[in-house]
C-alpha atoms as a PDB file:
ATOM      1  CA  MET A   1     -13.067 -18.669   1.646  1.00  0.00           C
ATOM      2  CA  HIS A   2     -12.714 -15.916  -0.953  1.00  0.00           C
ATOM      3  CA  GLY A   3     -15.218 -16.681  -3.671  1.00  0.00           C
ATOM      4  CA  LEU A   4     -17.131 -19.189  -1.521  1.00  0.00           C
ATOM      5  CA  TYR A   5     -18.712 -17.019   1.088  1.00  0.00           C
ATOM      6  CA  LEU A   6     -21.592 -16.164  -1.186  1.00  0.00           C
ATOM      7  CA  LEU A   7     -22.503 -19.862  -1.581  1.00  0.00           C
ATOM      8  CA  TRP A   8     -22.100 -20.243   2.174  1.00  0.00           C
ATOM      9  CA  TRP A   9     -24.586 -17.553   3.037  1.00  0.00           C
ATOM     10  CA  VAL A  10     -27.054 -18.310   0.261  1.00  0.00           C
ATOM     11  CA  GLN A  11     -26.990 -22.088   0.227  1.00  0.00           C
ATOM     12  CA  GLU A  12     -25.940 -23.086   3.739  1.00  0.00           C
ATOM     13  CA  LYS A  13     -27.386 -20.170   5.724  1.00  0.00           C
ATOM     14  CA  GLN A  14     -30.494 -19.725   3.558  1.00  0.00           C
ATOM     15  CA  VAL A  15     -30.173 -15.984   3.154  1.00  0.00           C
ATOM     16  CA  SER A  16     -31.635 -14.694  -0.118  1.00  0.00           C
ATOM     17  CA  PRO A  17     -29.161 -13.450  -2.760  1.00  0.00           C
ATOM     18  CA  ALA A  18     -30.796 -10.004  -2.841  1.00  0.00           C
ATOM     19  CA  VAL A  19     -30.328  -9.564   0.902  1.00  0.00           C
ATOM     20  CA  VAL A  20     -26.738 -10.812   0.763  1.00  0.00           C
ATOM     21  CA  ALA A  21     -25.972  -8.328  -2.048  1.00  0.00           C
ATOM     22  CA  ALA A  22     -27.549  -5.457  -0.060  1.00  0.00           C
ATOM     23  CA  ILE A  23     -25.653  -6.274   3.127  1.00  0.00           C
ATOM     24  CA  LEU A  24     -22.323  -6.650   1.298  1.00  0.00           C
ATOM     25  CA  ALA A  25     -22.950  -3.226  -0.357  1.00  0.00           C
ATOM     26  CA  ALA A  26     -23.707  -1.817   3.113  1.00  0.00           C
ATOM     27  CA  GLY A  27     -20.440  -3.268   4.366  1.00  0.00           C
ATOM     28  CA  ASP A  28     -18.530  -1.524   1.571  1.00  0.00           C
ATOM     29  CA  LEU A  29     -20.255   1.751   2.509  1.00  0.00           C
ATOM     30  CA  ALA A  30     -19.353   1.220   6.145  1.00  0.00           C
ATOM     31  CA  LEU A  31     -15.751   0.661   5.146  1.00  0.00           C
ATOM     32  CA  VAL A  32     -15.626   3.946   3.271  1.00  0.00           C
ATOM     33  CA  CYS A  33     -17.098   5.756   6.285  1.00  0.00           C
ATOM     34  CA  LEU A  34     -14.681   4.086   8.664  1.00  0.00           C
ATOM     35  CA  GLU A  35     -11.530   4.745   6.638  1.00  0.00           C
ATOM     36  CA  LEU A  36     -10.887   8.241   7.958  1.00  0.00           C
ATOM     37  CA  PRO A  37     -11.668   7.633  11.694  1.00  0.00           C
ATOM     38  CA  THR A  38      -9.482   4.530  11.758  1.00  0.00           C
ATOM     39  CA  GLY A  39      -6.736   6.407   9.880  1.00  0.00           C
ATOM     40  CA  TRP A  40      -6.849   9.069  12.579  1.00  0.00           C
ATOM     41  CA  PHE A  41      -6.588   6.306  15.229  1.00  0.00           C
ATOM     42  CA  ALA A  42      -3.513   4.895  13.541  1.00  0.00           C
ATOM     43  CA  ASP A  43      -1.812   8.267  13.255  1.00  0.00           C
ATOM     44  CA  ARG A  44      -2.743   9.199  16.845  1.00  0.00           C
ATOM     45  CA  VAL A  45      -2.238   5.879  18.727  1.00  0.00           C
ATOM     46  CA  GLY A  46       0.221   4.052  16.492  1.00  0.00           C
ATOM     47  CA  HIS A  47       0.273   2.197  13.237  1.00  0.00           C
ATOM     48  CA  ARG A  48       1.252  -1.111  14.887  1.00  0.00           C
ATOM     49  CA  ALA A  49      -1.573  -0.716  17.345  1.00  0.00           C
ATOM     50  CA  SER A  50      -4.029  -0.154  14.535  1.00  0.00           C
ATOM     51  CA  LEU A  51      -2.825  -3.280  12.737  1.00  0.00           C
ATOM     52  CA  ILE A  52      -3.252  -5.308  15.917  1.00  0.00           C
ATOM     53  CA  VAL A  53      -6.776  -4.023  16.530  1.00  0.00           C
ATOM     54  CA  GLY A  54      -7.780  -4.573  12.907  1.00  0.00           C
ATOM     55  CA  SER A  55      -6.377  -8.080  12.873  1.00  0.00           C
ATOM     56  CA  ALA A  56      -8.152  -8.973  16.187  1.00  0.00           C
ATOM     57  CA  VAL A  57     -11.436  -7.663  14.813  1.00  0.00           C
ATOM     58  CA  GLN A  58     -10.838  -9.687  11.617  1.00  0.00           C
ATOM     59  CA  VAL A  59     -10.562 -12.871  13.625  1.00  0.00           C
ATOM     60  CA  VAL A  60     -13.879 -12.143  15.331  1.00  0.00           C
ATOM     61  CA  GLY A  61     -15.401 -11.256  11.952  1.00  0.00           C
ATOM     62  CA  MET A  62     -14.367 -14.600  10.449  1.00  0.00           C
ATOM     63  CA  LEU A  63     -15.869 -16.489  13.416  1.00  0.00           C
ATOM     64  CA  TRP A  64     -19.110 -14.478  12.981  1.00  0.00           C
ATOM     65  CA  CYS A  65     -19.191 -15.294   9.270  1.00  0.00           C
ATOM     66  CA  TRP A  66     -18.987 -18.950  10.241  1.00  0.00           C
ATOM     67  CA  LEU A  67     -21.174 -19.123  13.315  1.00  0.00           C
ATOM     68  CA  GLY A  68     -23.565 -16.210  12.812  1.00  0.00           C
ATOM     69  CA  GLU A  69     -27.166 -17.023  11.926  1.00  0.00           C
ATOM     70  CA  GLY A  70     -29.655 -15.221   9.709  1.00  0.00           C
ATOM     71  CA  VAL A  71     -29.656 -11.689   8.456  1.00  0.00           C
ATOM     72  CA  SER A  72     -28.510 -10.259  11.751  1.00  0.00           C
ATOM     73  CA  GLY A  73     -25.507 -12.551  11.772  1.00  0.00           C
ATOM     74  CA  LEU A  74     -24.604 -11.535   8.226  1.00  0.00           C
ATOM     75  CA  VAL A  75     -24.945  -7.876   9.058  1.00  0.00           C
ATOM     76  CA  THR A  76     -22.723  -8.214  12.131  1.00  0.00           C
ATOM     77  CA  ALA A  77     -20.135 -10.254  10.210  1.00  0.00           C
ATOM     78  CA  SER A  78     -20.095  -7.728   7.329  1.00  0.00           C
ATOM     79  CA  LEU A  79     -19.619  -4.761   9.711  1.00  0.00           C
ATOM     80  CA  LEU A  80     -16.832  -6.591  11.637  1.00  0.00           C
ATOM     81  CA  VAL A  81     -14.955  -7.411   8.494  1.00  0.00           C
ATOM     82  CA  ALA A  82     -15.335  -3.785   7.287  1.00  0.00           C
ATOM     83  CA  LEU A  83     -14.008  -2.501  10.693  1.00  0.00           C
ATOM     84  CA  GLY A  84     -11.059  -4.860  10.646  1.00  0.00           C
ATOM     85  CA  ASP A  85     -10.173  -3.827   7.050  1.00  0.00           C
ATOM     86  CA  ALA A  86     -10.517  -0.144   7.987  1.00  0.00           C
ATOM     87  CA  PHE A  87      -8.100  -0.382  10.941  1.00  0.00           C
ATOM     88  CA  ARG A  88      -5.471  -2.089   8.789  1.00  0.00           C
ATOM     89  CA  SER A  89      -5.960   0.125   5.692  1.00  0.00           C
ATOM     90  CA  GLY A  90      -3.442   2.973   5.588  1.00  0.00           C
ATOM     91  CA  ALA A  91      -1.665   1.812   8.773  1.00  0.00           C
ATOM     92  CA  ASP A  92       0.285  -0.821   6.822  1.00  0.00           C
ATOM     93  CA  ALA A  93       1.700   1.636   4.298  1.00  0.00           C
ATOM     94  CA  ALA A  94       2.517   4.200   6.986  1.00  0.00           C
ATOM     95  CA  LEU A  95       4.253   1.650   9.149  1.00  0.00           C
ATOM     96  CA  LEU A  96       6.301   0.392   6.183  1.00  0.00           C
ATOM     97  CA  TYR A  97       7.338   3.940   5.154  1.00  0.00           C
ATOM     98  CA  ARG A  98       8.387   4.828   8.684  1.00  0.00           C
ATOM     99  CA  THR A  99      10.364   1.603   8.905  1.00  0.00           C
ATOM    100  CA  CYS A 100      12.113   2.350   5.641  1.00  0.00           C
ATOM    101  CA  HIS A 101      12.917   5.879   6.908  1.00  0.00           C
ATOM    102  CA  ALA A 102      14.287   4.556  10.159  1.00  0.00           C
ATOM    103  CA  LEU A 103      16.587   2.203   8.246  1.00  0.00           C
ATOM    104  CA  GLY A 104      17.643   4.880   5.790  1.00  0.00           C
ATOM    105  CA  ARG A 105      15.929   3.113   2.906  1.00  0.00           C
ATOM    106  CA  GLU A 106      13.171   5.513   1.933  1.00  0.00           C
ATOM    107  CA  ASP A 107      13.999   5.039  -1.733  1.00  0.00           C
ATOM    108  CA  ASP A 108      13.187   1.339  -1.394  1.00  0.00           C
ATOM    109  CA  PHE A 109       9.632   1.878  -0.198  1.00  0.00           C
ATOM    110  CA  GLN A 110       7.999   1.697  -3.647  1.00  0.00           C
ATOM    111  CA  ALA A 111       9.835  -1.480  -4.528  1.00  0.00           C
ATOM    112  CA  ILE A 112       8.996  -3.176  -1.222  1.00  0.00           C
ATOM    113  CA  GLU A 113       5.346  -2.059  -1.418  1.00  0.00           C
ATOM    114  CA  ALA A 114       5.099  -3.288  -5.034  1.00  0.00           C
ATOM    115  CA  ARG A 115       6.575  -6.719  -4.259  1.00  0.00           C
ATOM    116  CA  ALA A 116       4.378  -7.089  -1.234  1.00  0.00           C
ATOM    117  CA  ASN A 117       1.271  -6.233  -3.333  1.00  0.00           C
ATOM    118  CA  ALA A 118       2.316  -8.756  -5.967  1.00  0.00           C
ATOM    119  CA  ALA A 119       2.841 -11.407  -3.307  1.00  0.00           C
ATOM    120  CA  LYS A 120      -0.588 -10.655  -1.853  1.00  0.00           C
ATOM    121  CA  LEU A 121      -2.277 -11.071  -5.219  1.00  0.00           C
ATOM    122  CA  GLY A 122      -0.435 -14.244  -5.962  1.00  0.00           C
ATOM    123  CA  ALA A 123      -1.351 -15.639  -2.514  1.00  0.00           C
ATOM    124  CA  LEU A 124      -4.986 -14.692  -3.164  1.00  0.00           C
ATOM    125  CA  VAL A 125      -5.070 -16.889  -6.282  1.00  0.00           C
ATOM    126  CA  GLY A 126      -3.458 -19.772  -4.418  1.00  0.00           C
ATOM    127  CA  LEU A 127      -5.671 -19.394  -1.360  1.00  0.00           C
ATOM    128  CA  THR A 128      -8.783 -19.216  -3.484  1.00  0.00           C
ATOM    129  CA  LEU A 129      -7.953 -22.489  -5.173  1.00  0.00           C
ATOM    130  CA  ALA A 130      -6.945 -24.009  -1.817  1.00  0.00           C
ATOM    131  CA  GLY A 131     -10.231 -22.893  -0.291  1.00  0.00           C
ATOM    132  CA  GLY A 132     -12.220 -24.619  -2.991  1.00  0.00           C
ATOM    133  CA  PHE A 133     -10.226 -27.826  -2.448  1.00  0.00           C
ATOM    134  CA  ILE A 134     -10.662 -27.723   1.406  1.00  0.00           C
ATOM    135  CA  VAL A 135     -14.435 -27.097   1.196  1.00  0.00           C
ATOM    136  CA  THR A 136     -14.931 -29.793  -1.464  1.00  0.00           C
ATOM    137  CA  THR A 137     -12.911 -32.311   0.512  1.00  0.00           C
ATOM    138  CA  TRP A 138     -13.730 -31.611   4.117  1.00  0.00           C
ATOM    139  CA  GLY A 139     -16.672 -29.215   4.104  1.00  0.00           C
ATOM    140  CA  TYR A 140     -17.359 -25.593   4.893  1.00  0.00           C
ATOM    141  CA  ALA A 141     -16.447 -25.958   8.577  1.00  0.00           C
ATOM    142  CA  ALA A 142     -12.898 -26.850   7.613  1.00  0.00           C
ATOM    143  CA  GLY A 143     -12.784 -23.881   5.316  1.00  0.00           C
ATOM    144  CA  TRP A 144     -13.838 -21.453   8.026  1.00  0.00           C
ATOM    145  CA  ILE A 145     -11.372 -22.995  10.471  1.00  0.00           C
ATOM    146  CA  ALA A 146      -8.552 -22.407   7.936  1.00  0.00           C
ATOM    147  CA  GLU A 147      -9.749 -18.860   7.279  1.00  0.00           C
ATOM    148  CA  THR A 148      -9.925 -18.072  11.011  1.00  0.00           C
ATOM    149  CA  ALA A 149      -6.490 -19.608  11.590  1.00  0.00           C
ATOM    150  CA  LEU A 150      -4.945 -17.440   8.841  1.00  0.00           C
ATOM    151  CA  SER A 151      -6.536 -14.341  10.388  1.00  0.00           C
ATOM    152  CA  ALA A 152      -5.084 -15.369  13.777  1.00  0.00           C
ATOM    153  CA  LEU A 153      -1.674 -15.756  12.135  1.00  0.00           C
ATOM    154  CA  GLY A 154      -2.002 -12.213  10.802  1.00  0.00           C
ATOM    155  CA  LEU A 155      -2.759 -11.027  14.342  1.00  0.00           C
ATOM    156  CA  ALA A 156       0.336 -12.821  15.675  1.00  0.00           C
ATOM    157  CA  ILE A 157       2.480 -11.165  12.950  1.00  0.00           C
ATOM    158  CA  ALA A 158       1.113  -7.711  13.856  1.00  0.00           C
ATOM    159  CA  CYS A 159       1.869  -8.301  17.533  1.00  0.00           C
ATOM    160  CA  VAL A 160       5.567  -8.978  16.898  1.00  0.00           C
ATOM    161  CA  MET A 161       5.998  -5.868  14.731  1.00  0.00           C
ATOM    162  CA  VAL A 162       7.874  -2.853  16.089  1.00  0.00           C
ATOM    163  CA  GLU A 163       6.624   0.744  15.930  1.00  0.00           C
ATOM    164  CA  PRO A 164       9.337   2.755  14.192  1.00  0.00           C
ATOM    165  CA  PRO A 165      10.091   6.337  15.241  1.00  0.00           C
ATOM    166  CA  PRO A 166       8.393   9.223  13.396  1.00  0.00           C
ATOM    167  CA  ALA A 167       9.748   9.988   9.957  1.00  0.00           C
ATOM    168  CA  VAL A 168       9.778  13.747  10.511  1.00  0.00           C
ATOM    169  CA  GLY A 169      12.157  15.939   8.578  1.00  0.00           C
ATOM    170  CA  PRO A 170      13.151  19.473   9.667  1.00  0.00           C
ATOM    171  CA  GLU A 171      10.852  21.041   7.073  1.00  0.00           C
ATOM    172  CA  GLU A 172       7.765  19.428   8.584  1.00  0.00           C
ATOM    173  CA  ALA A 173       8.625  19.496  12.268  1.00  0.00           C
ATOM    174  CA  HIS A 174       5.992  22.190  12.802  1.00  0.00           C
ATOM    175  CA  ARG A 175       3.350  19.773  11.438  1.00  0.00           C
ATOM    176  CA  SER A 176       4.236  16.787  13.664  1.00  0.00           C
ATOM    177  CA  ASP A 177       1.015  16.791  15.705  1.00  0.00           C
ATOM    178  CA  SER A 178      -2.082  14.698  15.002  1.00  0.00           C
ATOM    179  CA  THR A 179      -3.936  17.658  13.482  1.00  0.00           C
ATOM    180  CA  ALA A 180      -1.799  17.708  10.387  1.00  0.00           C
ATOM    181  CA  PRO A 181      -4.039  17.699   7.329  1.00  0.00           C
ATOM    182  CA  ALA A 182      -4.323  14.440   5.446  1.00  0.00           C
ATOM    183  CA  LEU A 183      -5.765  16.013   2.290  1.00  0.00           C
ATOM    184  CA  SER A 184      -4.296  18.784   0.117  1.00  0.00           C
ATOM    185  CA  VAL A 185      -4.428  19.695  -3.525  1.00  0.00           C
ATOM    186  CA  GLY A 186      -1.255  17.678  -4.157  1.00  0.00           C
ATOM    187  CA  ILE A 187      -2.578  14.598  -2.387  1.00  0.00           C
ATOM    188  CA  THR A 188      -5.906  14.878  -4.220  1.00  0.00           C
ATOM    189  CA  MET A 189      -4.198  14.975  -7.561  1.00  0.00           C
ATOM    190  CA  LEU A 190      -2.247  11.896  -6.584  1.00  0.00           C
ATOM    191  CA  ILE A 191      -5.311   9.963  -5.435  1.00  0.00           C
ATOM    192  CA  LEU A 192      -7.809  10.663  -8.226  1.00  0.00           C
ATOM    193  CA  PRO A 193      -6.071   9.195 -11.338  1.00  0.00           C
ATOM    194  CA  THR A 194      -5.469   5.823  -9.685  1.00  0.00           C
ATOM    195  CA  GLY A 195      -8.983   5.847  -8.189  1.00  0.00           C
ATOM    196  CA  PHE A 196     -10.347   6.350 -11.673  1.00  0.00           C
ATOM    197  CA  LEU A 197      -8.121   3.566 -13.009  1.00  0.00           C
ATOM    198  CA  VAL A 198      -9.203   1.084 -10.330  1.00  0.00           C
ATOM    199  CA  ALA A 199     -12.872   1.859 -11.061  1.00  0.00           C
ATOM    200  CA  ILE A 200     -12.715   1.405 -14.788  1.00  0.00           C
ATOM    201  CA  ALA A 201     -10.688  -1.775 -14.385  1.00  0.00           C
ATOM    202  CA  SER A 202     -13.324  -3.167 -12.047  1.00  0.00           C
ATOM    203  CA  ALA A 203     -16.107  -2.173 -14.460  1.00  0.00           C
ATOM    204  CA  ALA A 204     -14.361  -3.758 -17.442  1.00  0.00           C
ATOM    205  CA  SER A 205     -13.691  -6.946 -15.406  1.00  0.00           C
ATOM    206  CA  PHE A 206     -17.393  -7.038 -14.460  1.00  0.00           C
ATOM    207  CA  LEU A 207     -18.332  -6.803 -18.180  1.00  0.00           C
ATOM    208  CA  ALA A 208     -15.910  -9.582 -19.105  1.00  0.00           C
ATOM    209  CA  GLN A 209     -17.245 -11.878 -16.364  1.00  0.00           C
ATOM    210  CA  THR A 210     -20.899 -11.305 -17.206  1.00  0.00           C
ATOM    211  CA  GLY A 211     -20.431 -11.296 -20.966  1.00  0.00           C
ATOM    212  CA  GLY A 212     -21.719 -14.800 -21.672  1.00  0.00           C
ATOM    213  CA  ILE A 213     -19.240 -17.140 -19.993  1.00  0.00           C
ATOM    214  CA  ARG A 214     -21.329 -20.015 -18.570  1.00  0.00           C
ATOM    215  CA  ASP A 215     -18.581 -22.462 -17.597  1.00  0.00           C
ATOM    216  CA  ALA A 216     -17.457 -22.097 -13.964  1.00  0.00           C
ATOM    217  CA  GLU A 217     -13.988 -23.398 -14.688  1.00  0.00           C
ATOM    218  CA  ALA A 218     -13.470 -20.950 -17.551  1.00  0.00           C
ATOM    219  CA  LEU A 219     -14.692 -18.067 -15.356  1.00  0.00           C
ATOM    220  CA  THR A 220     -12.340 -19.074 -12.557  1.00  0.00           C
ATOM    221  CA  LEU A 221      -9.372 -19.134 -14.986  1.00  0.00           C
ATOM    222  CA  LEU A 222     -10.394 -15.716 -16.341  1.00  0.00           C
ATOM    223  CA  VAL A 223     -10.504 -14.150 -12.854  1.00  0.00           C
ATOM    224  CA  ALA A 224      -7.176 -15.793 -12.029  1.00  0.00           C
ATOM    225  CA  ALA A 225      -5.661 -14.350 -15.237  1.00  0.00           C
ATOM    226  CA  PHE A 226      -6.831 -10.848 -14.236  1.00  0.00           C
ATOM    227  CA  THR A 227      -5.259 -11.243 -10.793  1.00  0.00           C
ATOM    228  CA  VAL A 228      -2.006 -12.507 -12.272  1.00  0.00           C
ATOM    229  CA  ALA A 229      -1.933  -9.525 -14.648  1.00  0.00           C
ATOM    230  CA  GLU A 230      -2.365  -7.119 -11.714  1.00  0.00           C
ATOM    231  CA  ALA A 231       0.440  -8.920  -9.831  1.00  0.00           C
ATOM    232  CA  ALA A 232       2.672  -8.543 -12.860  1.00  0.00           C
ATOM    233  CA  GLY A 233       1.972  -4.828 -12.870  1.00  0.00           C
ATOM    234  CA  SER A 234       3.054  -4.588  -9.217  1.00  0.00           C
ATOM    235  CA  LEU A 235       6.234  -6.502 -10.001  1.00  0.00           C
ATOM    236  CA  ALA A 236       6.960  -4.032 -12.805  1.00  0.00           C
ATOM    237  CA  ALA A 237       6.342  -1.144 -10.349  1.00  0.00           C
ATOM    238  CA  ALA A 238       9.154  -2.524  -8.149  1.00  0.00           C
ATOM    239  CA  ARG A 239      11.621  -1.590 -10.934  1.00  0.00           C
ATOM    240  CA  MET A 240      10.067   1.736 -11.890  1.00  0.00           C
ATOM    241  CA  PRO A 241      11.410   5.079 -10.683  1.00  0.00           C
ATOM    242  CA  SER A 242       9.367   7.181  -8.307  1.00  0.00           C
ATOM    243  CA  THR A 243       6.699   9.284 -10.024  1.00  0.00           C
ATOM    244  CA  GLY A 244       4.189  11.976  -9.223  1.00  0.00           C
ATOM    245  CA  VAL A 245       0.940  13.419 -10.525  1.00  0.00           C
ATOM    246  CA  ARG A 246       2.048  13.495 -14.144  1.00  0.00           C
ATOM    247  CA  GLY A 247       3.056   9.847 -14.229  1.00  0.00           C
ATOM    248  CA  LEU A 248      -0.120   8.714 -12.526  1.00  0.00           C
ATOM    249  CA  MET A 249      -2.291  10.811 -14.806  1.00  0.00           C
ATOM    250  CA  THR A 250      -0.505   9.223 -17.765  1.00  0.00           C
ATOM    251  CA  LEU A 251      -1.416   5.759 -16.500  1.00  0.00           C
ATOM    252  CA  GLY A 252      -5.012   6.847 -15.894  1.00  0.00           C
ATOM    253  CA  GLY A 253      -5.204   8.210 -19.433  1.00  0.00           C
ATOM    254  CA  ALA A 254      -3.857   5.004 -20.883  1.00  0.00           C
ATOM    255  CA  GLY A 255      -6.459   3.119 -18.896  1.00  0.00           C
ATOM    256  CA  ALA A 256      -9.224   5.346 -20.245  1.00  0.00           C
ATOM    257  CA  VAL A 257      -8.130   4.579 -23.810  1.00  0.00           C
ATOM    258  CA  CYS A 258      -8.201   0.816 -23.069  1.00  0.00           C
ATOM    259  CA  PHE A 259     -11.612   1.104 -21.488  1.00  0.00           C
ATOM    260  CA  VAL A 260     -13.085   2.903 -24.486  1.00  0.00           C
ATOM    261  CA  ILE A 261     -11.642   0.249 -26.807  1.00  0.00           C
ATOM    262  CA  ALA A 262     -13.178  -2.431 -24.596  1.00  0.00           C
ATOM    263  CA  LEU A 263     -16.582  -0.766 -24.773  1.00  0.00           C
ATOM    264  CA  LEU A 264     -16.507  -0.271 -28.546  1.00  0.00           C
ATOM    265  CA  HIS A 265     -14.998  -3.612 -29.553  1.00  0.00           C
ATOM    266  CA  ALA A 266     -16.335  -6.609 -27.641  1.00  0.00           C
ATOM    267  CA  SER A 267     -13.682  -8.895 -29.167  1.00  0.00           C
ATOM    268  CA  ALA A 268     -10.975  -6.854 -27.481  1.00  0.00           C
ATOM    269  CA  LEU A 269     -12.648  -6.838 -24.029  1.00  0.00           C
ATOM    270  CA  THR A 270     -10.576  -9.662 -22.409  1.00  0.00           C
ATOM    271  CA  ALA A 271      -7.305  -8.285 -23.684  1.00  0.00           C
ATOM    272  CA  MET A 272      -8.133  -4.763 -22.527  1.00  0.00           C
ATOM    273  CA  VAL A 273      -9.139  -6.005 -19.096  1.00  0.00           C
ATOM    274  CA  LEU A 274      -5.767  -7.741 -18.737  1.00  0.00           C
ATOM    275  CA  VAL A 275      -4.030  -4.445 -19.696  1.00  0.00           C
ATOM    276  CA  LEU A 276      -6.200  -2.518 -17.218  1.00  0.00           C
ATOM    277  CA  ALA A 277      -5.392  -5.045 -14.457  1.00  0.00           C
ATOM    278  CA  PHE A 278      -1.640  -4.628 -15.241  1.00  0.00           C
ATOM    279  CA  LEU A 279      -1.994  -0.798 -15.179  1.00  0.00           C
ATOM    280  CA  THR A 280      -3.799  -0.947 -11.876  1.00  0.00           C
ATOM    281  CA  GLY A 281      -1.062  -3.150 -10.337  1.00  0.00           C
ATOM    282  CA  LEU A 282       1.533  -0.703 -11.665  1.00  0.00           C
ATOM    283  CA  ALA A 283      -0.233   2.435 -10.421  1.00  0.00           C
ATOM    284  CA  GLU A 284      -1.167   1.468  -6.860  1.00  0.00           C
ATOM    285  CA  PRO A 285       2.389   1.053  -5.438  1.00  0.00           C
ATOM    286  CA  MET A 286       3.568   4.119  -7.296  1.00  0.00           C
ATOM    287  CA  ARG A 287       0.706   6.154  -5.791  1.00  0.00           C
ATOM    288  CA  ALA A 288       1.356   4.779  -2.353  1.00  0.00           C
ATOM    289  CA  SER A 289       4.985   5.846  -2.575  1.00  0.00           C
ATOM    290  CA  ALA A 290       4.071   9.321  -3.825  1.00  0.00           C
ATOM    291  CA  ILE A 291       1.520   9.823  -1.045  1.00  0.00           C
ATOM    292  CA  GLN A 292       3.973   8.882   1.667  1.00  0.00           C
ATOM    293  CA  ARG A 293       6.618  11.187   0.309  1.00  0.00           C
ATOM    294  CA  LEU A 294       4.267  14.149   0.181  1.00  0.00           C
ATOM    295  CA  THR A 295       2.224  13.658   3.408  1.00  0.00           C
ATOM    296  CA  ALA A 296       3.078  15.028   6.805  1.00  0.00           C
ATOM    297  CA  ASP A 297       4.293  12.337   9.142  1.00  0.00           C
ATOM    298  CA  ALA A 298       1.292  12.763  11.542  1.00  0.00           C
ATOM    299  CA  ALA A 299      -1.168  12.106   8.719  1.00  0.00           C
ATOM    300  CA  ARG A 300       0.369   9.199   6.814  1.00  0.00           C
ATOM    301  CA  ALA A 301      -2.315   6.617   7.638  1.00  0.00           C
ATOM    302  CA  ARG A 302      -5.156   9.032   7.002  1.00  0.00           C
ATOM    303  CA  ALA A 303      -3.826   9.945   3.570  1.00  0.00           C
ATOM    304  CA  ALA A 304      -3.457   6.305   2.595  1.00  0.00           C
ATOM    305  CA  SER A 305      -6.971   5.584   3.981  1.00  0.00           C
ATOM    306  CA  LEU A 306      -8.360   8.444   1.889  1.00  0.00           C
ATOM    307  CA  ALA A 307      -6.862   6.863  -1.229  1.00  0.00           C
ATOM    308  CA  SER A 308      -8.472   3.582  -0.406  1.00  0.00           C
ATOM    309  CA  ALA A 309     -11.848   5.185   0.274  1.00  0.00           C
ATOM    310  CA  CYS A 310     -11.639   7.114  -3.009  1.00  0.00           C
ATOM    311  CA  ASP A 311     -10.999   3.831  -4.861  1.00  0.00           C
ATOM    312  CA  MET A 312     -14.085   2.275  -3.275  1.00  0.00           C
ATOM    313  CA  VAL A 313     -16.315   5.283  -4.027  1.00  0.00           C
ATOM    314  CA  PHE A 314     -15.239   5.415  -7.693  1.00  0.00           C
ATOM    315  CA  THR A 315     -15.773   1.635  -8.002  1.00  0.00           C
ATOM    316  CA  SER A 316     -19.216   1.739  -6.411  1.00  0.00           C
ATOM    317  CA  ILE A 317     -20.225   4.307  -9.071  1.00  0.00           C
ATOM    318  CA  ALA A 318     -18.604   2.517 -12.004  1.00  0.00           C
ATOM    319  CA  LEU A 319     -20.003  -0.991 -11.356  1.00  0.00           C
ATOM    320  CA  PRO A 320     -23.743  -0.094 -11.579  1.00  0.00           C
ATOM    321  CA  LEU A 321     -22.990   1.953 -14.739  1.00  0.00           C
ATOM    322  CA  SER A 322     -21.162  -1.060 -16.250  1.00  0.00           C
ATOM    323  CA  GLY A 323     -24.190  -3.196 -15.385  1.00  0.00           C
ATOM    324  CA  LEU A 324     -26.424  -0.819 -17.304  1.00  0.00           C
ATOM    325  CA  TRP A 325     -24.057  -0.838 -20.249  1.00  0.00           C
ATOM    326  CA  GLY A 326     -23.950  -4.651 -20.155  1.00  0.00           C
ATOM    327  CA  ARG A 327     -27.737  -4.801 -20.461  1.00  0.00           C
ATOM    328  CA  ARG A 328     -27.443  -2.962 -23.781  1.00  0.00           C
END
């Protein structure tokens, strides 16, 4: 139902667009606030357990999106979806890294993370198109049934996962309790460049989508092209060597140059957004790998959750600013 839920709430549930926008923004804020507590839960209780809880909450959230009524139903659905996303955020990367460590394949983490991200983005494009077909052919109820079924499949997959042993080396054995810090100067320097890149890519994409395109089909193709470019960046990351702060800052700087070009030359906007999407897809798996290498084992999920929260905070600042720029 990605891309169709707005029509569902506004047209079918008769909730005003302004209220829908405000509640969705509140859901994003709730996700930012929930990232760290749920990351602590994953590190303390188990990454597999956190994925199971998040997937179960996601199923309930999808049902509430479908069956909830009025503003209260939308608020509940938005909060449930945010909670489900928060429980899964960070736990997935931590579980994958621990699994790679247990199998003696730590060096493969970045490539696996990158290919998984590319597959996720490709599936998003396909599922978005499929959702439109299902709703057009059989109605919204069929769309929500399919969405809930996919969420339930995710829950089943989480349940059959295995919690790997801690990936604790001798040098960090003294930090193997749940109080290990998730944030340090090194982690901060890894998080910020990619957070900045994600934010300016989102802002540029917003400008491109609101820059005068009136045809729905053309807009859909444009969004799909951005998603494909990001997936291509992730595929490229699978072949890149591991990097650190310097490499991520280089990608952030390249993104800043593209963003300035997009602002100053409207004719180059679409091309620059494609480049920014590619750079984002390239940077995210590289950052995830660098964070997992640097973080204490007892804080892996929290560190990954902090990165996700930073991305959302930066984006929430950049999007209104891009809206103001677009009005010019």
